[in-house]
């Protein structure tokens, strides 16, 4: 992602599956980024790779608001044989002034 981006999910269609939002200094500056109002899920096969749903590796003024990080619905079913290490959010390296507000993190719960 580049500078000055706001990505907002609608109230009726806000689920994203197997996406990755990334800011990185190797690709240039990524300042003033807002990600808001999404339910973010990923496949069980993502446990064994570097796929982090929101990865802020560089930039300033980065904000995640009203997002639900639910991971995946399978438990110990990935072909990697790994436990469910749902990788949701990373603010690291050259990322400054990161805000995470009113978000929830946890394994997808199937209500049957």
PDB file of N, CA and C in Angstrom:
ATOM      1  N   UNK A   1       0.846  -1.176   0.000  1.00  0.00           N
ATOM      2  CA  UNK A   1       0.000   0.000   0.000  1.00  0.00           C
ATOM      3  C   UNK A   1       0.886   1.232   0.000  1.00  0.00           C
ATOM      4  N   UNK A   2       0.384   2.280  -0.581  1.00  0.00           N
ATOM      5  CA  UNK A   2       1.110   3.551  -0.629  1.00  0.00           C
ATOM      6  C   UNK A   2       0.481   4.590   0.301  1.00  0.00           C
ATOM      7  N   UNK A   3       0.977   5.806   0.242  1.00  0.00           N
ATOM      8  CA  UNK A   3       0.529   6.891   1.118  1.00  0.00           C
ATOM      9  C   UNK A   3      -0.952   7.207   0.968  1.00  0.00           C
ATOM     10  N   UNK A   4      -1.514   7.716   2.066  1.00  0.00           N
ATOM     11  CA  UNK A   4      -2.840   8.324   2.070  1.00  0.00           C
ATOM     12  C   UNK A   4      -3.938   7.420   1.516  1.00  0.00           C
ATOM     13  N   UNK A   5      -4.063   6.233   2.085  1.00  0.00           N
ATOM     14  CA  UNK A   5      -5.094   5.277   1.668  1.00  0.00           C
ATOM     15  C   UNK A   5      -6.057   5.022   2.826  1.00  0.00           C
ATOM     16  N   UNK A   6      -7.348   5.041   2.526  1.00  0.00           N
ATOM     17  CA  UNK A   6      -8.381   4.664   3.471  1.00  0.00           C
ATOM     18  C   UNK A   6      -9.216   3.575   2.823  1.00  0.00           C
ATOM     19  N   UNK A   7      -9.299   2.414   3.480  1.00  0.00           N
ATOM     20  CA  UNK A   7     -10.060   1.284   2.958  1.00  0.00           C
ATOM     21  C   UNK A   7     -11.115   0.952   4.006  1.00  0.00           C
ATOM     22  N   UNK A   8     -12.397   1.100   3.626  1.00  0.00           N
ATOM     23  CA  UNK A   8     -13.494   0.909   4.572  1.00  0.00           C
ATOM     24  C   UNK A   8     -14.454  -0.131   4.020  1.00  0.00           C
ATOM     25  N   UNK A   9     -14.766  -1.131   4.833  1.00  0.00           N
ATOM     26  CA  UNK A   9     -15.746  -2.140   4.450  1.00  0.00           C
ATOM     27  C   UNK A   9     -17.158  -1.630   4.669  1.00  0.00           C
ATOM     28  N   UNK A  10     -18.072  -2.045   3.807  1.00  0.00           N
ATOM     29  CA  UNK A  10     -19.473  -1.645   3.978  1.00  0.00           C
ATOM     30  C   UNK A  10     -20.088  -2.476   5.102  1.00  0.00           C
ATOM     31  N   UNK A  11     -21.239  -2.066   5.566  1.00  0.00           N
ATOM     32  CA  UNK A  11     -21.883  -2.792   6.656  1.00  0.00           C
ATOM     33  C   UNK A  11     -22.528  -4.089   6.192  1.00  0.00           C
ATOM     34  N   UNK A  12     -22.879  -4.190   4.912  1.00  0.00           N
ATOM     35  CA  UNK A  12     -23.538  -5.401   4.424  1.00  0.00           C
ATOM     36  C   UNK A  12     -22.579  -6.388   3.758  1.00  0.00           C
ATOM     37  N   UNK A  13     -21.430  -5.918   3.301  1.00  0.00           N
ATOM     38  CA  UNK A  13     -20.468  -6.802   2.625  1.00  0.00           C
ATOM     39  C   UNK A  13     -19.060  -6.392   3.031  1.00  0.00           C
ATOM     40  N   UNK A  14     -18.608  -6.912   4.173  1.00  0.00           N
ATOM     41  CA  UNK A  14     -17.315  -6.464   4.681  1.00  0.00           C
ATOM     42  C   UNK A  14     -16.365  -7.603   5.036  1.00  0.00           C
ATOM     43  N   UNK A  15     -16.611  -8.828   4.555  1.00  0.00           N
ATOM     44  CA  UNK A  15     -15.728  -9.952   4.853  1.00  0.00           C
ATOM     45  C   UNK A  15     -14.695 -10.101   3.749  1.00  0.00           C
ATOM     46  N   UNK A  16     -13.427 -10.148   4.143  1.00  0.00           N
ATOM     47  CA  UNK A  16     -12.330 -10.371   3.203  1.00  0.00           C
ATOM     48  C   UNK A  16     -11.669 -11.690   3.557  1.00  0.00           C
ATOM     49  N   UNK A  17     -11.370 -12.476   2.548  1.00  0.00           N
ATOM     50  CA  UNK A  17     -10.820 -13.808   2.763  1.00  0.00           C
ATOM     51  C   UNK A  17      -9.485 -13.934   2.039  1.00  0.00           C
ATOM     52  N   UNK A  18      -8.449 -14.351   2.767  1.00  0.00           N
ATOM     53  CA  UNK A  18      -7.099 -14.547   2.226  1.00  0.00           C
ATOM     54  C   UNK A  18      -6.537 -13.291   1.569  1.00  0.00           C
ATOM     55  N   UNK A  19      -6.658 -12.163   2.240  1.00  0.00           N
ATOM     56  CA  UNK A  19      -6.050 -10.925   1.750  1.00  0.00           C
ATOM     57  C   UNK A  19      -4.866 -10.584   2.647  1.00  0.00           C
ATOM     58  N   UNK A  20      -4.044  -9.672   2.156  1.00  0.00           N
ATOM     59  CA  UNK A  20      -2.912  -9.209   2.951  1.00  0.00           C
ATOM     60  C   UNK A  20      -2.698  -7.727   2.664  1.00  0.00           C
ATOM     61  N   UNK A  21      -2.824  -6.889   3.707  1.00  0.00           N
ATOM     62  CA  UNK A  21      -2.515  -5.476   3.604  1.00  0.00           C
ATOM     63  C   UNK A  21      -1.097  -5.295   4.122  1.00  0.00           C
ATOM     64  N   UNK A  22      -0.249  -4.638   3.330  1.00  0.00           N
ATOM     65  CA  UNK A  22       1.160  -4.552   3.703  1.00  0.00           C
ATOM     66  C   UNK A  22       1.720  -3.170   3.405  1.00  0.00           C
ATOM     67  N   UNK A  23       2.477  -2.631   4.354  1.00  0.00           N
ATOM     68  CA  UNK A  23       3.279  -1.432   4.117  1.00  0.00           C
ATOM     69  C   UNK A  23       4.732  -1.831   4.353  1.00  0.00           C
ATOM     70  N   UNK A  24       5.615  -1.336   3.524  1.00  0.00           N
ATOM     71  CA  UNK A  24       7.017  -1.726   3.650  1.00  0.00           C
ATOM     72  C   UNK A  24       7.911  -0.615   3.146  1.00  0.00           C
ATOM     73  N   UNK A  25       8.987  -0.342   3.869  1.00  0.00           N
ATOM     74  CA  UNK A  25       9.902   0.704   3.445  1.00  0.00           C
ATOM     75  C   UNK A  25      10.689   0.315   2.202  1.00  0.00           C
ATOM     76  N   UNK A  26      10.805  -0.961   1.892  1.00  0.00           N
ATOM     77  CA  UNK A  26      11.529  -1.369   0.690  1.00  0.00           C
ATOM     78  C   UNK A  26      10.787  -0.962  -0.582  1.00  0.00           C
ATOM     79  N   UNK A  27       9.485  -0.712  -0.488  1.00  0.00           N
ATOM     80  CA  UNK A  27       8.679  -0.294  -1.636  1.00  0.00           C
ATOM     81  C   UNK A  27       8.390   1.197  -1.605  1.00  0.00           C
ATOM     82  N   UNK A  28       8.936   1.919  -0.646  1.00  0.00           N
ATOM     83  CA  UNK A  28       8.657   3.341  -0.503  1.00  0.00           C
ATOM     84  C   UNK A  28       7.853   3.592   0.761  1.00  0.00           C
ATOM     85  N   UNK A  29       7.548   4.841   0.984  1.00  0.00           N
ATOM     86  CA  UNK A  29       6.835   5.249   2.180  1.00  0.00           C
ATOM     87  C   UNK A  29       5.376   4.819   2.141  1.00  0.00           C
ATOM     88  N   UNK A  30       4.830   4.539   3.296  1.00  0.00           N
ATOM     89  CA  UNK A  30       3.425   4.138   3.417  1.00  0.00           C
ATOM     90  C   UNK A  30       2.822   4.848   4.619  1.00  0.00           C
ATOM     91  N   UNK A  31       2.626   6.142   4.497  1.00  0.00           N
ATOM     92  CA  UNK A  31       2.115   6.948   5.595  1.00  0.00           C
ATOM     93  C   UNK A  31       0.606   7.170   5.457  1.00  0.00           C
ATOM     94  N   UNK A  32      -0.046   7.405   6.594  1.00  0.00           N
ATOM     95  CA  UNK A  32      -1.459   7.771   6.630  1.00  0.00           C
ATOM     96  C   UNK A  32      -2.355   6.716   5.984  1.00  0.00           C
ATOM     97  N   UNK A  33      -2.328   5.511   6.543  1.00  0.00           N
ATOM     98  CA  UNK A  33      -3.130   4.395   6.039  1.00  0.00           C
ATOM     99  C   UNK A  33      -4.169   4.025   7.099  1.00  0.00           C
ATOM    100  N   UNK A  34      -5.439   3.893   6.662  1.00  0.00           N
ATOM    101  CA  UNK A  34      -6.535   3.504   7.555  1.00  0.00           C
ATOM    102  C   UNK A  34      -7.224   2.281   6.962  1.00  0.00           C
ATOM    103  N   UNK A  35      -7.403   1.248   7.780  1.00  0.00           N
ATOM    104  CA  UNK A  35      -8.168   0.061   7.406  1.00  0.00           C
ATOM    105  C   UNK A  35      -9.284  -0.061   8.437  1.00  0.00           C
ATOM    106  N   UNK A  36     -10.541  -0.048   7.968  1.00  0.00           N
ATOM    107  CA  UNK A  36     -11.660   0.059   8.909  1.00  0.00           C
ATOM    108  C   UNK A  36     -12.852  -0.802   8.485  1.00  0.00           C
ATOM    109  N   UNK A  37     -13.506  -1.385   9.481  1.00  0.00           N
ATOM    110  CA  UNK A  37     -14.786  -2.071   9.335  1.00  0.00           C
ATOM    111  C   UNK A  37     -14.719  -3.303   8.437  1.00  0.00           C
ATOM    112  N   UNK A  38     -13.821  -4.217   8.756  1.00  0.00           N
ATOM    113  CA  UNK A  38     -13.710  -5.470   8.009  1.00  0.00           C
ATOM    114  C   UNK A  38     -13.738  -6.663   8.946  1.00  0.00           C
ATOM    115  N   UNK A  39     -14.208  -7.781   8.435  1.00  0.00           N
ATOM    116  CA  UNK A  39     -13.989  -9.088   9.043  1.00  0.00           C
ATOM    117  C   UNK A  39     -12.956  -9.768   8.166  1.00  0.00           C
ATOM    118  N   UNK A  40     -11.820 -10.140   8.751  1.00  0.00           N
ATOM    119  CA  UNK A  40     -10.700 -10.687   7.991  1.00  0.00           C
ATOM    120  C   UNK A  40     -10.489 -12.151   8.354  1.00  0.00           C
ATOM    121  N   UNK A  41     -10.578 -13.018   7.363  1.00  0.00           N
ATOM    122  CA  UNK A  41     -10.396 -14.451   7.554  1.00  0.00           C
ATOM    123  C   UNK A  41      -9.279 -14.938   6.647  1.00  0.00           C
ATOM    124  N   UNK A  42      -8.676 -16.061   7.021  1.00  0.00           N
ATOM    125  CA  UNK A  42      -7.678 -16.672   6.137  1.00  0.00           C
ATOM    126  C   UNK A  42      -7.775 -18.182   6.200  1.00  0.00           C
ATOM    127  N   UNK A  43      -7.205 -18.801   5.194  1.00  0.00           N
ATOM    128  CA  UNK A  43      -7.255 -20.243   5.038  1.00  0.00           C
ATOM    129  C   UNK A  43      -6.324 -20.933   6.032  1.00  0.00           C
ATOM    130  N   UNK A  44      -6.669 -22.137   6.444  1.00  0.00           N
ATOM    131  CA  UNK A  44      -5.843 -22.895   7.379  1.00  0.00           C
ATOM    132  C   UNK A  44      -4.441 -23.133   6.822  1.00  0.00           C
ATOM    133  N   UNK A  45      -4.294 -23.208   5.516  1.00  0.00           N
ATOM    134  CA  UNK A  45      -2.987 -23.434   4.903  1.00  0.00           C
ATOM    135  C   UNK A  45      -2.046 -22.253   5.115  1.00  0.00           C
ATOM    136  N   UNK A  46      -2.561 -21.107   5.514  1.00  0.00           N
ATOM    137  CA  UNK A  46      -1.727 -19.928   5.747  1.00  0.00           C
ATOM    138  C   UNK A  46      -0.913 -20.018   7.025  1.00  0.00           C
ATOM    139  N   UNK A  47      -1.164 -21.009   7.863  1.00  0.00           N
ATOM    140  CA  UNK A  47      -0.433 -21.133   9.128  1.00  0.00           C
ATOM    141  C   UNK A  47       1.066 -21.280   8.926  1.00  0.00           C
ATOM    142  N   UNK A  48       1.493 -22.006   7.899  1.00  0.00           N
ATOM    143  CA  UNK A  48       2.904 -22.320   7.745  1.00  0.00           C
ATOM    144  C   UNK A  48       3.692 -21.368   6.863  1.00  0.00           C
ATOM    145  N   UNK A  49       3.122 -20.212   6.490  1.00  0.00           N
ATOM    146  CA  UNK A  49       3.864 -19.285   5.636  1.00  0.00           C
ATOM    147  C   UNK A  49       3.952 -17.915   6.297  1.00  0.00           C
ATOM    148  N   UNK A  50       4.409 -16.934   5.560  1.00  0.00           N
ATOM    149  CA  UNK A  50       4.568 -15.580   6.105  1.00  0.00           C
ATOM    150  C   UNK A  50       3.373 -14.689   5.827  1.00  0.00           C
ATOM    151  N   UNK A  51       2.222 -15.253   5.597  1.00  0.00           N
ATOM    152  CA  UNK A  51       1.026 -14.482   5.276  1.00  0.00           C
ATOM    153  C   UNK A  51       0.400 -13.918   6.550  1.00  0.00           C
ATOM    154  N   UNK A  52       0.666 -12.643   6.811  1.00  0.00           N
ATOM    155  CA  UNK A  52       0.070 -11.944   7.941  1.00  0.00           C
ATOM    156  C   UNK A  52      -0.994 -11.028   7.364  1.00  0.00           C
ATOM    157  N   UNK A  53      -2.189 -11.044   7.914  1.00  0.00           N
ATOM    158  CA  UNK A  53      -3.319 -10.332   7.325  1.00  0.00           C
ATOM    159  C   UNK A  53      -3.045  -8.833   7.202  1.00  0.00           C
ATOM    160  N   UNK A  54      -2.637  -8.178   8.278  1.00  0.00           N
ATOM    161  CA  UNK A  54      -2.261  -6.764   8.227  1.00  0.00           C
ATOM    162  C   UNK A  54      -0.817  -6.672   8.706  1.00  0.00           C
ATOM    163  N   UNK A  55       0.063  -6.271   7.803  1.00  0.00           N
ATOM    164  CA  UNK A  55       1.498  -6.207   8.100  1.00  0.00           C
ATOM    165  C   UNK A  55       1.983  -4.779   7.871  1.00  0.00           C
ATOM    166  N   UNK A  56       2.181  -4.048   8.975  1.00  0.00           N
ATOM    167  CA  UNK A  56       2.723  -2.705   8.896  1.00  0.00           C
ATOM    168  C   UNK A  56       4.214  -2.801   9.179  1.00  0.00           C
ATOM    169  N   UNK A  57       5.023  -2.817   8.125  1.00  0.00           N
ATOM    170  CA  UNK A  57       6.468  -2.922   8.263  1.00  0.00           C
ATOM    171  C   UNK A  57       7.182  -1.606   8.073  1.00  0.00           C
ATOM    172  N   UNK A  58       6.462  -0.568   7.710  1.00  0.00           N
ATOM    173  CA  UNK A  58       7.053   0.737   7.504  1.00  0.00           C
ATOM    174  C   UNK A  58       5.975   1.792   7.371  1.00  0.00           C
ATOM    175  N   UNK A  59       6.343   3.042   7.603  1.00  0.00           N
ATOM    176  CA  UNK A  59       5.408   4.147   7.477  1.00  0.00           C
ATOM    177  C   UNK A  59       5.004   4.716   8.819  1.00  0.00           C
ATOM    178  N   UNK A  60       4.214   5.785   8.755  1.00  0.00           N
ATOM    179  CA  UNK A  60       3.735   6.463   9.956  1.00  0.00           C
ATOM    180  C   UNK A  60       2.231   6.671   9.868  1.00  0.00           C
ATOM    181  N   UNK A  61       1.614   6.831  11.035  1.00  0.00           N
ATOM    182  CA  UNK A  61       0.186   7.106  11.126  1.00  0.00           C
ATOM    183  C   UNK A  61      -0.623   5.998  10.457  1.00  0.00           C
ATOM    184  N   UNK A  62      -0.503   4.793  10.994  1.00  0.00           N
ATOM    185  CA  UNK A  62      -1.172   3.611  10.463  1.00  0.00           C
ATOM    186  C   UNK A  62      -2.260   3.209  11.455  1.00  0.00           C
ATOM    187  N   UNK A  63      -3.484   2.975  10.965  1.00  0.00           N
ATOM    188  CA  UNK A  63      -4.609   2.781  11.861  1.00  0.00           C
ATOM    189  C   UNK A  63      -5.486   1.641  11.386  1.00  0.00           C
ATOM    190  N   UNK A  64      -5.800   0.721  12.300  1.00  0.00           N
ATOM    191  CA  UNK A  64      -6.756  -0.360  12.061  1.00  0.00           C
ATOM    192  C   UNK A  64      -7.880  -0.164  13.068  1.00  0.00           C
ATOM    193  N   UNK A  65      -9.119  -0.039  12.571  1.00  0.00           N
ATOM    194  CA  UNK A  65     -10.244   0.304  13.431  1.00  0.00           C
ATOM    195  C   UNK A  65     -11.468  -0.540  13.096  1.00  0.00           C
ATOM    196  N   UNK A  66     -12.162  -1.002  14.118  1.00  0.00           N
ATOM    197  CA  UNK A  66     -13.395  -1.778  13.965  1.00  0.00           C
ATOM    198  C   UNK A  66     -13.220  -2.970  13.024  1.00  0.00           C
ATOM    199  N   UNK A  67     -12.158  -3.722  13.203  1.00  0.00           N
ATOM    200  CA  UNK A  67     -11.916  -4.924  12.402  1.00  0.00           C
ATOM    201  C   UNK A  67     -12.001  -6.159  13.287  1.00  0.00           C
ATOM    202  N   UNK A  68     -12.481  -7.238  12.709  1.00  0.00           N
ATOM    203  CA  UNK A  68     -12.551  -8.517  13.396  1.00  0.00           C
ATOM    204  C   UNK A  68     -11.629  -9.483  12.678  1.00  0.00           C
ATOM    205  N   UNK A  69     -10.608  -9.943  13.371  1.00  0.00           N
ATOM    206  CA  UNK A  69      -9.641 -10.889  12.812  1.00  0.00           C
ATOM    207  C   UNK A  69     -10.031 -12.278  13.311  1.00  0.00           C
ATOM    208  N   UNK A  70     -10.667 -13.071  12.464  1.00  0.00           N
ATOM    209  CA  UNK A  70     -11.193 -14.354  12.915  1.00  0.00           C
ATOM    210  C   UNK A  70     -10.368 -15.547  12.460  1.00  0.00           C
ATOM    211  N   UNK A  71      -9.412 -15.355  11.606  1.00  0.00           N
ATOM    212  CA  UNK A  71      -8.592 -16.486  11.170  1.00  0.00           C
ATOM    213  C   UNK A  71      -9.379 -17.453  10.328  1.00  0.00           C
ATOM    214  N   UNK A  72      -9.347 -18.711  10.681  1.00  0.00           N
ATOM    215  CA  UNK A  72     -10.012 -19.728   9.875  1.00  0.00           C
ATOM    216  C   UNK A  72     -10.852 -20.642  10.750  1.00  0.00           C
ATOM    217  N   UNK A  73     -11.699 -21.432  10.113  1.00  0.00           N
ATOM    218  CA  UNK A  73     -12.638 -22.260  10.860  1.00  0.00           C
ATOM    219  C   UNK A  73     -12.120 -23.660  11.158  1.00  0.00           C
ATOM    220  N   UNK A  74     -10.986 -24.043  10.576  1.00  0.00           N
ATOM    221  CA  UNK A  74     -10.456 -25.384  10.799  1.00  0.00           C
ATOM    222  C   UNK A  74      -9.505 -25.386  11.992  1.00  0.00           C
ATOM    223  N   UNK A  75      -9.490 -26.477  12.712  1.00  0.00           N
ATOM    224  CA  UNK A  75      -8.583 -26.598  13.841  1.00  0.00           C
ATOM    225  C   UNK A  75      -7.683 -27.794  13.616  1.00  0.00           C
ATOM    226  N   UNK A  76      -6.376 -27.531  13.545  1.00  0.00           N
ATOM    227  CA  UNK A  76      -5.360 -28.569  13.308  1.00  0.00           C
ATOM    228  C   UNK A  76      -5.640 -29.400  12.057  1.00  0.00           C
ATOM    229  N   UNK A  77      -6.111 -28.751  10.987  1.00  0.00           N
ATOM    230  CA  UNK A  77      -6.384 -29.478   9.751  1.00  0.00           C
ATOM    231  C   UNK A  77      -5.486 -29.040   8.607  1.00  0.00           C
ATOM    232  N   UNK A  78      -4.611 -28.079   8.827  1.00  0.00           N
ATOM    233  CA  UNK A  78      -3.705 -27.653   7.763  1.00  0.00           C
ATOM    234  C   UNK A  78      -2.754 -28.795   7.413  1.00  0.00           C
ATOM    235  N   UNK A  79      -2.406 -28.900   6.145  1.00  0.00           N
ATOM    236  CA  UNK A  79      -1.512 -29.982   5.717  1.00  0.00           C
ATOM    237  C   UNK A  79      -0.128 -29.856   6.343  1.00  0.00           C
ATOM    238  N   UNK A  80       0.188 -28.665   6.875  1.00  0.00           N
ATOM    239  CA  UNK A  80       1.478 -28.458   7.527  1.00  0.00           C
ATOM    240  C   UNK A  80       1.553 -29.200   8.856  1.00  0.00           C
ATOM    241  N   UNK A  81       0.405 -29.578   9.405  1.00  0.00           N
ATOM    242  CA  UNK A  81       0.380 -30.256  10.696  1.00  0.00           C
ATOM    243  C   UNK A  81       0.624 -29.315  11.862  1.00  0.00           C
ATOM    244  N   UNK A  82       0.686 -28.017  11.600  1.00  0.00           N
ATOM    245  CA  UNK A  82       0.937 -27.039  12.657  1.00  0.00           C
ATOM    246  C   UNK A  82      -0.337 -26.719  13.421  1.00  0.00           C
ATOM    247  N   UNK A  83      -0.168 -26.271  14.656  1.00  0.00           N
ATOM    248  CA  UNK A  83      -1.316 -25.796  15.418  1.00  0.00           C
ATOM    249  C   UNK A  83      -1.821 -24.505  14.781  1.00  0.00           C
ATOM    250  N   UNK A  84      -2.982 -24.061  15.198  1.00  0.00           N
ATOM    251  CA  UNK A  84      -3.571 -22.849  14.635  1.00  0.00           C
ATOM    252  C   UNK A  84      -2.905 -21.608  15.224  1.00  0.00           C
ATOM    253  N   UNK A  85      -1.968 -21.030  14.499  1.00  0.00           N
ATOM    254  CA  UNK A  85      -1.242 -19.845  14.931  1.00  0.00           C
ATOM    255  C   UNK A  85      -1.774 -18.644  14.163  1.00  0.00           C
ATOM    256  N   UNK A  86      -3.040 -18.440  14.119  1.00  0.00           N
ATOM    257  CA  UNK A  86      -3.630 -17.391  13.292  1.00  0.00           C
ATOM    258  C   UNK A  86      -2.822 -16.098  13.379  1.00  0.00           C
ATOM    259  N   UNK A  87      -2.246 -15.730  12.250  1.00  0.00           N
ATOM    260  CA  UNK A  87      -1.384 -14.550  12.182  1.00  0.00           C
ATOM    261  C   UNK A  87      -2.207 -13.375  11.700  1.00  0.00           C
ATOM    262  N   UNK A  88      -2.506 -12.464  12.610  1.00  0.00           N
ATOM    263  CA  UNK A  88      -3.448 -11.410  12.329  1.00  0.00           C
ATOM    264  C   UNK A  88      -2.795 -10.077  11.981  1.00  0.00           C
ATOM    265  N   UNK A  89      -1.950  -9.552  12.850  1.00  0.00           N
ATOM    266  CA  UNK A  89      -1.498  -8.179  12.726  1.00  0.00           C
ATOM    267  C   UNK A  89      -0.053  -8.063  13.212  1.00  0.00           C
ATOM    268  N   UNK A  90       0.757  -7.322  12.460  1.00  0.00           N
ATOM    269  CA  UNK A  90       2.131  -7.036  12.880  1.00  0.00           C
ATOM    270  C   UNK A  90       2.427  -5.564  12.632  1.00  0.00           C
ATOM    271  N   UNK A  91       2.899  -4.892  13.663  1.00  0.00           N
ATOM    272  CA  UNK A  91       3.403  -3.518  13.554  1.00  0.00           C
ATOM    273  C   UNK A  91       4.859  -3.593  13.966  1.00  0.00           C
ATOM    274  N   UNK A  92       5.769  -3.510  13.004  1.00  0.00           N
ATOM    275  CA  UNK A  92       7.170  -3.778  13.314  1.00  0.00           C
ATOM    276  C   UNK A  92       8.109  -2.997  12.399  1.00  0.00           C
ATOM    277  N   UNK A  93       9.379  -3.205  12.605  1.00  0.00           N
ATOM    278  CA  UNK A  93      10.461  -2.601  11.831  1.00  0.00           C
ATOM    279  C   UNK A  93      10.347  -1.087  11.819  1.00  0.00           C
ATOM    280  N   UNK A  94      10.034  -0.474  10.693  1.00  0.00           N
ATOM    281  CA  UNK A  94      10.029   0.983  10.568  1.00  0.00           C
ATOM    282  C   UNK A  94       8.627   1.578  10.631  1.00  0.00           C
ATOM    283  N   UNK A  95       7.680   0.888  11.241  1.00  0.00           N
ATOM    284  CA  UNK A  95       6.310   1.402  11.387  1.00  0.00           C
ATOM    285  C   UNK A  95       6.213   2.206  12.684  1.00  0.00           C
ATOM    286  N   UNK A  96       5.750   3.440  12.577  1.00  0.00           N
ATOM    287  CA  UNK A  96       5.615   4.319  13.735  1.00  0.00           C
ATOM    288  C   UNK A  96       4.202   4.874  13.821  1.00  0.00           C
ATOM    289  N   UNK A  97       3.766   5.121  15.045  1.00  0.00           N
ATOM    290  CA  UNK A  97       2.448   5.688  15.308  1.00  0.00           C
ATOM    291  C   UNK A  97       1.344   4.797  14.745  1.00  0.00           C
ATOM    292  N   UNK A  98       1.355   3.539  15.164  1.00  0.00           N
ATOM    293  CA  UNK A  98       0.323   2.565  14.777  1.00  0.00           C
ATOM    294  C   UNK A  98      -0.766   2.566  15.843  1.00  0.00           C
ATOM    295  N   UNK A  99      -2.016   2.575  15.394  1.00  0.00           N
ATOM    296  CA  UNK A  99      -3.152   2.538  16.295  1.00  0.00           C
ATOM    297  C   UNK A  99      -4.053   1.374  15.926  1.00  0.00           C
ATOM    298  N   UNK A 100      -4.430   0.588  16.916  1.00  0.00           N
ATOM    299  CA  UNK A 100      -5.401  -0.488  16.737  1.00  0.00           C
ATOM    300  C   UNK A 100      -6.518  -0.199  17.732  1.00  0.00           C
ATOM    301  N   UNK A 101      -7.720   0.069  17.207  1.00  0.00           N
ATOM    302  CA  UNK A 101      -8.816   0.443  18.099  1.00  0.00           C
ATOM    303  C   UNK A 101     -10.083  -0.339  17.783  1.00  0.00           C
ATOM    304  N   UNK A 102     -10.760  -0.754  18.830  1.00  0.00           N
ATOM    305  CA  UNK A 102     -12.036  -1.457  18.760  1.00  0.00           C
ATOM    306  C   UNK A 102     -12.009  -2.644  17.795  1.00  0.00           C
ATOM    307  N   UNK A 103     -10.975  -3.476  17.913  1.00  0.00           N
ATOM    308  CA  UNK A 103     -10.822  -4.674  17.083  1.00  0.00           C
ATOM    309  C   UNK A 103     -10.931  -5.914  17.966  1.00  0.00           C
ATOM    310  N   UNK A 104     -11.263  -7.042  17.350  1.00  0.00           N
ATOM    311  CA  UNK A 104     -11.264  -8.300  18.090  1.00  0.00           C
ATOM    312  C   UNK A 104     -10.398  -9.310  17.352  1.00  0.00           C
ATOM    313  N   UNK A 105      -9.738 -10.166  18.131  1.00  0.00           N
ATOM    314  CA  UNK A 105      -8.803 -11.143  17.594  1.00  0.00           C
ATOM    315  C   UNK A 105      -9.134 -12.514  18.160  1.00  0.00           C
ATOM    316  N   UNK A 106      -9.213 -13.522  17.315  1.00  0.00           N
ATOM    317  CA  UNK A 106      -9.451 -14.852  17.836  1.00  0.00           C
ATOM    318  C   UNK A 106      -9.846 -15.840  16.765  1.00  0.00           C
ATOM    319  N   UNK A 107      -9.809 -17.101  17.149  1.00  0.00           N
ATOM    320  CA  UNK A 107     -10.150 -18.181  16.247  1.00  0.00           C
ATOM    321  C   UNK A 107     -11.624 -18.110  15.879  1.00  0.00           C
ATOM    322  N   UNK A 108     -11.903 -18.338  14.627  1.00  0.00           N
ATOM    323  CA  UNK A 108     -13.280 -18.371  14.125  1.00  0.00           C
ATOM    324  C   UNK A 108     -14.095 -19.371  14.933  1.00  0.00           C
ATOM    325  N   UNK A 109     -15.229 -18.959  15.390  1.00  0.00           N
ATOM    326  CA  UNK A 109     -16.093 -19.843  16.174  1.00  0.00           C
ATOM    327  C   UNK A 109     -17.341 -20.158  15.374  1.00  0.00           C
ATOM    328  N   UNK A 110     -17.516 -21.399  15.021  1.00  0.00           N
ATOM    329  CA  UNK A 110     -18.675 -21.830  14.259  1.00  0.00           C
ATOM    330  C   UNK A 110     -19.843 -22.051  15.224  1.00  0.00           C
ATOM    331  N   UNK A 111     -20.906 -21.315  15.029  1.00  0.00           N
ATOM    332  CA  UNK A 111     -22.065 -21.448  15.912  1.00  0.00           C
ATOM    333  C   UNK A 111     -23.125 -22.282  15.204  1.00  0.00           C
ATOM    334  N   UNK A 112     -23.121 -23.578  15.496  1.00  0.00           N
ATOM    335  CA  UNK A 112     -24.086 -24.491  14.882  1.00  0.00           C
ATOM    336  C   UNK A 112     -25.142 -24.868  15.884  1.00  0.00           C
TER     337      UNK A 112
END
